[in-house]
Full PDB file with SEQRES, HELIX, SHEET, SSBOND, CRYST1, ORIGX, SCALE, CONECT and MASTER records, all heavy atoms in Angstrom:
SEQRES   1 A   35  SER GLY VAL HIS THR PHE ASP SER GLY SER ILE GLU ILE          
SEQRES   2 A   35  ALA GLY ARG ARG VAL ALA PHE ASP SER PRO ALA LYS SER          
SEQRES   3 A   35  ARG GLU ALA GLY ILE ALA VAL VAL TYR                          
HELIX    1 AA1 PRO A   23  GLU A   28  1                                   6    
SHEET    1 AA1 2 ILE A  11  ILE A  13  0                                        
SHEET    2 AA1 2 ARG A  16  VAL A  18 -1                                        
CRYST1    1.000    1.000    1.000  90.00  90.00  90.00 P 1           1          
ORIGX1      1.000000  0.000000  0.000000        0.00000                         
ORIGX2      0.000000  1.000000  0.000000        0.00000                         
ORIGX3      0.000000  0.000000  1.000000        0.00000                         
SCALE1      1.000000  0.000000  0.000000        0.00000                         
SCALE2      0.000000  1.000000  0.000000        0.00000                         
SCALE3      0.000000  0.000000  1.000000        0.00000                         
ATOM      1  N   SER A   1       2.610  -4.083  -0.368  1.00  0.00           N  
ATOM      2  CA  SER A   1       1.994  -4.717   0.570  1.00  0.00           C  
ATOM      3  C   SER A   1       1.972  -4.243   1.982  1.00  0.00           C  
ATOM      4  O   SER A   1       1.512  -4.854   2.864  1.00  0.00           O  
ATOM      5  CB  SER A   1       2.359  -6.235   0.536  1.00  0.00           C  
ATOM      6  OG  SER A   1       3.716  -6.290   0.937  1.00  0.00           O  
ATOM      7  N   GLY A   2       2.698  -3.055   2.123  1.00  0.00           N  
ATOM      8  CA  GLY A   2       2.736  -2.535   3.446  1.00  0.00           C  
ATOM      9  C   GLY A   2       3.863  -2.891   4.358  1.00  0.00           C  
ATOM     10  O   GLY A   2       3.832  -2.503   5.454  1.00  0.00           O  
ATOM     11  N   VAL A   3       4.707  -3.912   3.800  1.00  0.00           N  
ATOM     12  CA  VAL A   3       5.765  -4.455   4.612  1.00  0.00           C  
ATOM     13  C   VAL A   3       6.875  -3.273   4.831  1.00  0.00           C  
ATOM     14  O   VAL A   3       7.446  -3.116   5.887  1.00  0.00           O  
ATOM     15  CB  VAL A   3       6.375  -5.563   4.023  1.00  0.00           C  
ATOM     16  CG1 VAL A   3       7.562  -6.109   4.785  1.00  0.00           C  
ATOM     17  CG2 VAL A   3       5.243  -6.740   3.901  1.00  0.00           C  
ATOM     18  N   HIS A   4       7.194  -2.618   3.743  1.00  0.00           N  
ATOM     19  CA  HIS A   4       8.130  -1.571   3.746  1.00  0.00           C  
ATOM     20  C   HIS A   4       7.357  -0.317   3.351  1.00  0.00           C  
ATOM     21  O   HIS A   4       6.394  -0.213   2.705  1.00  0.00           O  
ATOM     22  CB  HIS A   4       9.319  -1.773   2.672  1.00  0.00           C  
ATOM     23  CG  HIS A   4      10.178  -2.927   2.934  1.00  0.00           C  
ATOM     24  ND1 HIS A   4      10.468  -3.320   4.230  1.00  0.00           N  
ATOM     25  CD2 HIS A   4      10.677  -3.873   2.153  1.00  0.00           C  
ATOM     26  CE1 HIS A   4      11.323  -4.361   4.165  1.00  0.00           C  
ATOM     27  NE2 HIS A   4      11.428  -4.613   2.980  1.00  0.00           N  
ATOM     28  N   THR A   5       7.889   0.896   3.858  1.00  0.00           N  
ATOM     29  CA  THR A   5       7.463   2.177   3.388  1.00  0.00           C  
ATOM     30  C   THR A   5       8.384   2.756   2.501  1.00  0.00           C  
ATOM     31  O   THR A   5       9.604   2.342   2.372  1.00  0.00           O  
ATOM     32  CB  THR A   5       7.311   3.234   4.578  1.00  0.00           C  
ATOM     33  OG1 THR A   5       8.628   3.309   5.292  1.00  0.00           O  
ATOM     34  CG2 THR A   5       6.247   2.747   5.566  1.00  0.00           C  
ATOM     35  N   PHE A   6       7.993   3.627   1.499  1.00  0.00           N  
ATOM     36  CA  PHE A   6       8.877   4.190   0.584  1.00  0.00           C  
ATOM     37  C   PHE A   6       9.402   5.532   0.996  1.00  0.00           C  
ATOM     38  O   PHE A   6       8.893   6.245   1.816  1.00  0.00           O  
ATOM     39  CB  PHE A   6       8.297   4.337  -0.860  1.00  0.00           C  
ATOM     40  CG  PHE A   6       7.012   5.187  -0.861  1.00  0.00           C  
ATOM     41  CD1 PHE A   6       6.939   6.416  -1.018  1.00  0.00           C  
ATOM     42  CD2 PHE A   6       5.640   4.379  -0.693  1.00  0.00           C  
ATOM     43  CE1 PHE A   6       5.760   7.160  -1.133  1.00  0.00           C  
ATOM     44  CE2 PHE A   6       4.570   5.055  -0.803  1.00  0.00           C  
ATOM     45  CZ  PHE A   6       4.587   6.405  -0.950  1.00  0.00           C  
ATOM     46  N   ASP A   7      10.663   5.890   0.443  1.00  0.00           N  
ATOM     47  CA  ASP A   7      11.327   7.261   0.875  1.00  0.00           C  
ATOM     48  C   ASP A   7      10.659   8.426   0.130  1.00  0.00           C  
ATOM     49  O   ASP A   7      10.509   9.519   0.695  1.00  0.00           O  
ATOM     50  CB  ASP A   7      12.715   7.162   0.712  1.00  0.00           C  
ATOM     51  CG  ASP A   7      13.421   5.970   1.482  1.00  0.00           C  
ATOM     52  OD1 ASP A   7      12.889   5.713   2.522  1.00  0.00           O  
ATOM     53  OD2 ASP A   7      14.425   5.442   0.980  1.00  0.00           O  
ATOM     54  N   SER A   8      10.392   8.220  -1.128  1.00  0.00           N  
ATOM     55  CA  SER A   8       9.868   9.307  -1.893  1.00  0.00           C  
ATOM     56  C   SER A   8       9.022   8.798  -3.093  1.00  0.00           C  
ATOM     57  O   SER A   8       9.304   7.590  -3.557  1.00  0.00           O  
ATOM     58  CB  SER A   8      10.984  10.249  -2.319  1.00  0.00           C  
ATOM     59  OG  SER A   8      11.884   9.658  -3.235  1.00  0.00           O  
ATOM     60  N   GLY A   9       8.332   9.630  -3.792  1.00  0.00           N  
ATOM     61  CA  GLY A   9       7.430   9.144  -4.887  1.00  0.00           C  
ATOM     62  C   GLY A   9       6.038   9.037  -4.437  1.00  0.00           C  
ATOM     63  O   GLY A   9       5.673   9.644  -3.386  1.00  0.00           O  
ATOM     64  N   SER A  10       5.251   8.461  -5.115  1.00  0.00           N  
ATOM     65  CA  SER A  10       3.726   8.332  -4.805  1.00  0.00           C  
ATOM     66  C   SER A  10       3.125   7.003  -5.409  1.00  0.00           C  
ATOM     67  O   SER A  10       3.564   6.454  -6.335  1.00  0.00           O  
ATOM     68  CB  SER A  10       2.976   9.586  -5.498  1.00  0.00           C  
ATOM     69  OG  SER A  10       3.082   9.482  -6.752  1.00  0.00           O  
ATOM     70  N   ILE A  11       2.098   6.625  -4.618  1.00  0.00           N  
ATOM     71  CA  ILE A  11       1.303   5.399  -5.137  1.00  0.00           C  
ATOM     72  C   ILE A  11      -0.200   5.888  -5.047  1.00  0.00           C  
ATOM     73  O   ILE A  11      -0.571   6.395  -4.043  1.00  0.00           O  
ATOM     74  CB  ILE A  11       1.508   4.264  -4.198  1.00  0.00           C  
ATOM     75  CG1 ILE A  11       2.927   3.832  -4.298  1.00  0.00           C  
ATOM     76  CG2 ILE A  11       0.638   3.035  -4.577  1.00  0.00           C  
ATOM     77  CD1 ILE A  11       3.285   2.637  -3.289  1.00  0.00           C  
ATOM     78  N   GLU A  12      -0.786   5.545  -6.074  1.00  0.00           N  
ATOM     79  CA  GLU A  12      -2.252   5.703  -6.198  1.00  0.00           C  
ATOM     80  C   GLU A  12      -3.135   4.483  -6.420  1.00  0.00           C  
ATOM     81  O   GLU A  12      -2.640   3.624  -7.283  1.00  0.00           O  
ATOM     82  CB  GLU A  12      -2.659   6.840  -7.321  1.00  0.00           C  
ATOM     83  CG  GLU A  12      -2.101   8.218  -7.034  1.00  0.00           C  
ATOM     84  CD  GLU A  12      -2.353   9.025  -8.191  1.00  0.00           C  
ATOM     85  OE1 GLU A  12      -3.139   8.768  -9.102  1.00  0.00           O  
ATOM     86  OE2 GLU A  12      -1.812  10.281  -8.145  1.00  0.00           O  
ATOM     87  N   ILE A  13      -4.226   4.374  -5.783  1.00  0.00           N  
ATOM     88  CA  ILE A  13      -5.011   3.160  -6.086  1.00  0.00           C  
ATOM     89  C   ILE A  13      -6.344   3.708  -6.508  1.00  0.00           C  
ATOM     90  O   ILE A  13      -7.026   4.537  -5.834  1.00  0.00           O  
ATOM     91  CB  ILE A  13      -5.340   2.345  -4.740  1.00  0.00           C  
ATOM     92  CG1 ILE A  13      -3.974   1.897  -4.144  1.00  0.00           C  
ATOM     93  CG2 ILE A  13      -6.245   1.191  -4.954  1.00  0.00           C  
ATOM     94  CD1 ILE A  13      -3.284   0.948  -4.916  1.00  0.00           C  
ATOM     95  N   ALA A  14      -6.651   3.512  -7.733  1.00  0.00           N  
ATOM     96  CA  ALA A  14      -7.986   3.992  -8.363  1.00  0.00           C  
ATOM     97  C   ALA A  14      -8.110   5.541  -8.252  1.00  0.00           C  
ATOM     98  O   ALA A  14      -9.133   6.192  -8.030  1.00  0.00           O  
ATOM     99  CB  ALA A  14      -9.163   3.330  -7.830  1.00  0.00           C  
ATOM    100  N   GLY A  15      -6.930   6.134  -8.395  1.00  0.00           N  
ATOM    101  CA  GLY A  15      -6.869   7.626  -8.401  1.00  0.00           C  
ATOM    102  C   GLY A  15      -6.690   8.186  -7.055  1.00  0.00           C  
ATOM    103  O   GLY A  15      -6.584   9.502  -6.897  1.00  0.00           O  
ATOM    104  N   ARG A  16      -6.587   7.378  -6.063  1.00  0.00           N  
ATOM    105  CA  ARG A  16      -6.564   7.956  -4.559  1.00  0.00           C  
ATOM    106  C   ARG A  16      -5.106   7.816  -4.225  1.00  0.00           C  
ATOM    107  O   ARG A  16      -4.669   6.573  -4.157  1.00  0.00           O  
ATOM    108  CB  ARG A  16      -7.539   7.366  -3.734  1.00  0.00           C  
ATOM    109  CG  ARG A  16      -7.507   7.931  -2.288  1.00  0.00           C  
ATOM    110  CD  ARG A  16      -8.693   7.348  -1.445  1.00  0.00           C  
ATOM    111  NE  ARG A  16      -8.586   5.890  -1.225  1.00  0.00           N  
ATOM    112  CZ  ARG A  16      -8.002   5.354  -0.272  1.00  0.00           C  
ATOM    113  NH1 ARG A  16      -7.343   6.166   0.686  1.00  0.00           N  
ATOM    114  NH2 ARG A  16      -7.925   3.975  -0.075  1.00  0.00           N  
ATOM    115  N   ARG A  17      -4.418   8.757  -3.666  1.00  0.00           N  
ATOM    116  CA  ARG A  17      -3.055   8.498  -3.174  1.00  0.00           C  
ATOM    117  C   ARG A  17      -2.980   7.790  -1.910  1.00  0.00           C  
ATOM    118  O   ARG A  17      -3.853   8.039  -1.016  1.00  0.00           O  
ATOM    119  CB  ARG A  17      -2.313   9.893  -2.949  1.00  0.00           C  
ATOM    120  CG  ARG A  17      -0.879   9.795  -2.525  1.00  0.00           C  
ATOM    121  CD  ARG A  17      -0.177  11.187  -2.832  1.00  0.00           C  
ATOM    122  NE  ARG A  17       0.086  11.519  -4.155  1.00  0.00           N  
ATOM    123  CZ  ARG A  17       1.009  12.307  -4.607  1.00  0.00           C  
ATOM    124  NH1 ARG A  17       1.701  12.879  -3.551  1.00  0.00           N  
ATOM    125  NH2 ARG A  17       1.112  12.686  -5.870  1.00  0.00           N  
ATOM    126  N   VAL A  18      -2.139   6.882  -1.822  1.00  0.00           N  
ATOM    127  CA  VAL A  18      -1.990   5.996  -0.499  1.00  0.00           C  
ATOM    128  C   VAL A  18      -0.584   5.831  -0.187  1.00  0.00           C  
ATOM    129  O   VAL A  18       0.356   5.939  -0.992  1.00  0.00           O  
ATOM    130  CB  VAL A  18      -2.618   4.579  -0.710  1.00  0.00           C  
ATOM    131  CG1 VAL A  18      -4.216   4.657  -1.033  1.00  0.00           C  
ATOM    132  CG2 VAL A  18      -1.906   3.870  -1.819  1.00  0.00           C  
ATOM    133  N   ALA A  19      -0.341   5.499   1.121  1.00  0.00           N  
ATOM    134  CA  ALA A  19       0.863   5.225   1.670  1.00  0.00           C  
ATOM    135  C   ALA A  19       0.700   4.239   2.782  1.00  0.00           C  
ATOM    136  O   ALA A  19       0.123   4.691   3.848  1.00  0.00           O  
ATOM    137  CB  ALA A  19       1.669   6.365   2.145  1.00  0.00           C  
ATOM    138  N   PHE A  20       1.003   2.891   2.626  1.00  0.00           N  
ATOM    139  CA  PHE A  20       0.763   1.920   3.650  1.00  0.00           C  
ATOM    140  C   PHE A  20       1.917   1.888   4.672  1.00  0.00           C  
ATOM    141  O   PHE A  20       3.038   1.654   4.316  1.00  0.00           O  
ATOM    142  CB  PHE A  20       0.484   0.562   2.877  1.00  0.00           C  
ATOM    143  CG  PHE A  20      -0.530   0.562   1.975  1.00  0.00           C  
ATOM    144  CD1 PHE A  20      -0.201   0.137   0.548  1.00  0.00           C  
ATOM    145  CD2 PHE A  20      -1.725   1.077   2.089  1.00  0.00           C  
ATOM    146  CE1 PHE A  20      -1.156   0.264  -0.417  1.00  0.00           C  
ATOM    147  CE2 PHE A  20      -2.604   1.097   1.075  1.00  0.00           C  
ATOM    148  CZ  PHE A  20      -2.367   0.705  -0.225  1.00  0.00           C  
ATOM    149  N   ASP A  21       1.390   1.806   6.011  1.00  0.00           N  
ATOM    150  CA  ASP A  21       2.440   1.636   7.024  1.00  0.00           C  
ATOM    151  C   ASP A  21       2.313   0.282   7.742  1.00  0.00           C  
ATOM    152  O   ASP A  21       3.033  -0.029   8.737  1.00  0.00           O  
ATOM    153  CB  ASP A  21       2.415   2.780   8.068  1.00  0.00           C  
ATOM    154  CG  ASP A  21       0.967   2.846   8.696  1.00  0.00           C  
ATOM    155  OD1 ASP A  21       0.096   2.033   8.433  1.00  0.00           O  
ATOM    156  OD2 ASP A  21       0.727   3.823   9.386  1.00  0.00           O  
ATOM    157  N   SER A  22       1.413  -0.590   7.023  1.00  0.00           N  
ATOM    158  CA  SER A  22       1.302  -1.853   7.667  1.00  0.00           C  
ATOM    159  C   SER A  22       0.589  -2.785   6.654  1.00  0.00           C  
ATOM    160  O   SER A  22      -0.123  -2.301   5.720  1.00  0.00           O  
ATOM    161  CB  SER A  22       0.520  -1.833   8.979  1.00  0.00           C  
ATOM    162  OG  SER A  22      -0.976  -1.596   8.626  1.00  0.00           O  
ATOM    163  N   PRO A  23       0.858  -3.994   6.633  1.00  0.00           N  
ATOM    164  CA  PRO A  23       0.097  -4.997   5.769  1.00  0.00           C  
ATOM    165  C   PRO A  23      -1.466  -4.812   5.804  1.00  0.00           C  
ATOM    166  O   PRO A  23      -2.086  -5.076   4.920  1.00  0.00           O  
ATOM    167  CB  PRO A  23       0.638  -6.369   6.203  1.00  0.00           C  
ATOM    168  CG  PRO A  23       2.094  -6.083   6.721  1.00  0.00           C  
ATOM    169  CD  PRO A  23       1.884  -4.834   7.321  1.00  0.00           C  
ATOM    170  N   ALA A  24      -1.850  -4.634   6.993  1.00  0.00           N  
ATOM    171  CA  ALA A  24      -3.356  -4.596   7.364  1.00  0.00           C  
ATOM    172  C   ALA A  24      -3.901  -3.390   6.582  1.00  0.00           C  
ATOM    173  O   ALA A  24      -4.988  -3.515   5.954  1.00  0.00           O  
ATOM    174  CB  ALA A  24      -3.629  -4.339   8.803  1.00  0.00           C  
ATOM    175  N   LYS A  25      -3.162  -2.312   6.433  1.00  0.00           N  
ATOM    176  CA  LYS A  25      -3.618  -1.074   5.663  1.00  0.00           C  
ATOM    177  C   LYS A  25      -3.710  -1.358   4.107  1.00  0.00           C  
ATOM    178  O   LYS A  25      -4.605  -1.040   3.466  1.00  0.00           O  
ATOM    179  CB  LYS A  25      -2.816   0.197   5.973  1.00  0.00           C  
ATOM    180  CG  LYS A  25      -2.880   0.672   7.327  1.00  0.00           C  
ATOM    181  CD  LYS A  25      -4.086   1.205   7.641  1.00  0.00           C  
ATOM    182  CE  LYS A  25      -4.229   1.790   9.032  1.00  0.00           C  
ATOM    183  NZ  LYS A  25      -3.257   2.902   9.381  1.00  0.00           N  
ATOM    184  N   SER A  26      -2.738  -2.209   3.777  1.00  0.00           N  
ATOM    185  CA  SER A  26      -2.652  -2.553   2.233  1.00  0.00           C  
ATOM    186  C   SER A  26      -3.894  -3.481   2.011  1.00  0.00           C  
ATOM    187  O   SER A  26      -4.518  -3.377   0.971  1.00  0.00           O  
ATOM    188  CB  SER A  26      -1.239  -3.236   1.999  1.00  0.00           C  
ATOM    189  OG  SER A  26      -1.401  -3.843   0.671  1.00  0.00           O  
ATOM    190  N   ARG A  27      -4.102  -4.530   2.844  1.00  0.00           N  
ATOM    191  CA  ARG A  27      -5.249  -5.391   2.719  1.00  0.00           C  
ATOM    192  C   ARG A  27      -6.561  -4.709   2.664  1.00  0.00           C  
ATOM    193  O   ARG A  27      -7.504  -4.961   1.802  1.00  0.00           O  
ATOM    194  CB  ARG A  27      -5.202  -6.427   3.777  1.00  0.00           C  
ATOM    195  CG  ARG A  27      -6.240  -7.521   3.705  1.00  0.00           C  
ATOM    196  CD  ARG A  27      -5.933  -8.566   2.543  1.00  0.00           C  
ATOM    197  NE  ARG A  27      -7.175  -9.174   2.118  1.00  0.00           N  
ATOM    198  CZ  ARG A  27      -7.073 -10.370   1.397  1.00  0.00           C  
ATOM    199  NH1 ARG A  27      -6.024 -10.780   1.033  1.00  0.00           N  
ATOM    200  NH2 ARG A  27      -8.255 -10.991   1.081  1.00  0.00           N  
ATOM    201  N   GLU A  28      -6.745  -3.664   3.581  1.00  0.00           N  
ATOM    202  CA  GLU A  28      -7.893  -2.928   3.603  1.00  0.00           C  
ATOM    203  C   GLU A  28      -8.182  -2.131   2.308  1.00  0.00           C  
ATOM    204  O   GLU A  28      -9.266  -1.871   1.871  1.00  0.00           O  
ATOM    205  CB  GLU A  28      -7.909  -1.913   4.733  1.00  0.00           C  
ATOM    206  CG  GLU A  28      -8.057  -2.428   6.087  1.00  0.00           C  
ATOM    207  CD  GLU A  28      -7.773  -1.446   7.284  1.00  0.00           C  
ATOM    208  OE1 GLU A  28      -7.749  -0.198   6.916  1.00  0.00           O  
ATOM    209  OE2 GLU A  28      -7.769  -1.837   8.340  1.00  0.00           O  
ATOM    210  N   ALA A  29      -7.074  -1.771   1.592  1.00  0.00           N  
ATOM    211  CA  ALA A  29      -7.228  -1.106   0.322  1.00  0.00           C  
ATOM    212  C   ALA A  29      -7.466  -2.170  -0.854  1.00  0.00           C  
ATOM    213  O   ALA A  29      -7.683  -1.704  -2.008  1.00  0.00           O  
ATOM    214  CB  ALA A  29      -5.918  -0.346  -0.005  1.00  0.00           C  
ATOM    215  N   GLY A  30      -7.589  -3.381  -0.538  1.00  0.00           N  
ATOM    216  CA  GLY A  30      -7.856  -4.455  -1.505  1.00  0.00           C  
ATOM    217  C   GLY A  30      -6.717  -5.087  -2.195  1.00  0.00           C  
ATOM    218  O   GLY A  30      -6.794  -5.677  -3.290  1.00  0.00           O  
ATOM    219  N   ILE A  31      -5.453  -5.032  -1.602  1.00  0.00           N  
ATOM    220  CA  ILE A  31      -4.287  -5.609  -2.088  1.00  0.00           C  
ATOM    221  C   ILE A  31      -3.983  -6.935  -1.425  1.00  0.00           C  
ATOM    222  O   ILE A  31      -3.885  -6.961  -0.164  1.00  0.00           O  
ATOM    223  CB  ILE A  31      -3.127  -4.585  -2.005  1.00  0.00           C  
ATOM    224  CG1 ILE A  31      -3.413  -3.461  -2.865  1.00  0.00           C  
ATOM    225  CG2 ILE A  31      -1.821  -5.348  -2.525  1.00  0.00           C  
ATOM    226  CD1 ILE A  31      -2.292  -2.394  -2.801  1.00  0.00           C  
ATOM    227  N   ALA A  32      -3.933  -8.006  -2.144  1.00  0.00           N  
ATOM    228  CA  ALA A  32      -3.617  -9.304  -1.625  1.00  0.00           C  
ATOM    229  C   ALA A  32      -2.431  -9.900  -2.204  1.00  0.00           C  
ATOM    230  O   ALA A  32      -2.148  -9.671  -3.456  1.00  0.00           O  
ATOM    231  CB  ALA A  32      -4.723 -10.293  -1.884  1.00  0.00           C  
ATOM    232  N   VAL A  33      -1.404 -10.401  -1.499  1.00  0.00           N  
ATOM    233  CA  VAL A  33      -0.101 -10.900  -1.969  1.00  0.00           C  
ATOM    234  C   VAL A  33       0.006 -12.309  -1.670  1.00  0.00           C  
ATOM    235  O   VAL A  33      -0.237 -12.742  -0.538  1.00  0.00           O  
ATOM    236  CB  VAL A  33       1.026 -10.115  -1.406  1.00  0.00           C  
ATOM    237  CG1 VAL A  33       2.428 -10.482  -1.969  1.00  0.00           C  
ATOM    238  CG2 VAL A  33       0.840  -8.654  -1.414  1.00  0.00           C  
ATOM    239  N   VAL A  34       0.504 -13.120  -2.537  1.00  0.00           N  
ATOM    240  CA  VAL A  34       0.929 -14.525  -2.269  1.00  0.00           C  
ATOM    241  C   VAL A  34       2.334 -14.739  -2.574  1.00  0.00           C  
ATOM    242  O   VAL A  34       2.822 -14.494  -3.604  1.00  0.00           O  
ATOM    243  CB  VAL A  34       0.142 -15.408  -3.224  1.00  0.00           C  
ATOM    244  CG1 VAL A  34       0.594 -16.906  -2.978  1.00  0.00           C  
ATOM    245  CG2 VAL A  34      -1.380 -15.296  -3.087  1.00  0.00           C  
ATOM    246  N   TYR A  35       3.120 -14.790  -1.417  1.00  0.00           N  
ATOM    247  CA  TYR A  35       4.574 -14.955  -1.450  1.00  0.00           C  
ATOM    248  C   TYR A  35       4.922 -16.384  -1.766  1.00  0.00           C  
ATOM    249  O   TYR A  35       4.042 -17.379  -1.672  1.00  0.00           O  
ATOM    250  CB  TYR A  35       5.355 -14.494  -0.251  1.00  0.00           C  
ATOM    251  CG  TYR A  35       5.059 -13.106   0.036  1.00  0.00           C  
ATOM    252  CD1 TYR A  35       4.090 -12.644   0.985  1.00  0.00           C  
ATOM    253  CD2 TYR A  35       5.899 -12.101  -0.569  1.00  0.00           C  
ATOM    254  CE1 TYR A  35       4.058 -11.304   1.275  1.00  0.00           C  
ATOM    255  CE2 TYR A  35       5.591 -10.695  -0.292  1.00  0.00           C  
ATOM    256  CZ  TYR A  35       4.639 -10.397   0.616  1.00  0.00           C  
ATOM    257  OH  TYR A  35       4.540  -8.946   0.892  1.00  0.00           O  
TER     258      TYR A  35                                                      
MASTER        0    0    0    1    2    0    0    6  257    1    0    3          
END                                                                             
C-alpha cells in the first residue's frame, strides 16, 4: 500500500515492476486497502 518501502526483492503489477514510495502511488496503480 506504499506505507513502507522494502529493502530488497521485487514487486510486479500485471507484469510491470513497481516500488511505491507513498500510498498515493499505490492507489494510482489500482491498489486499495481497507484496514
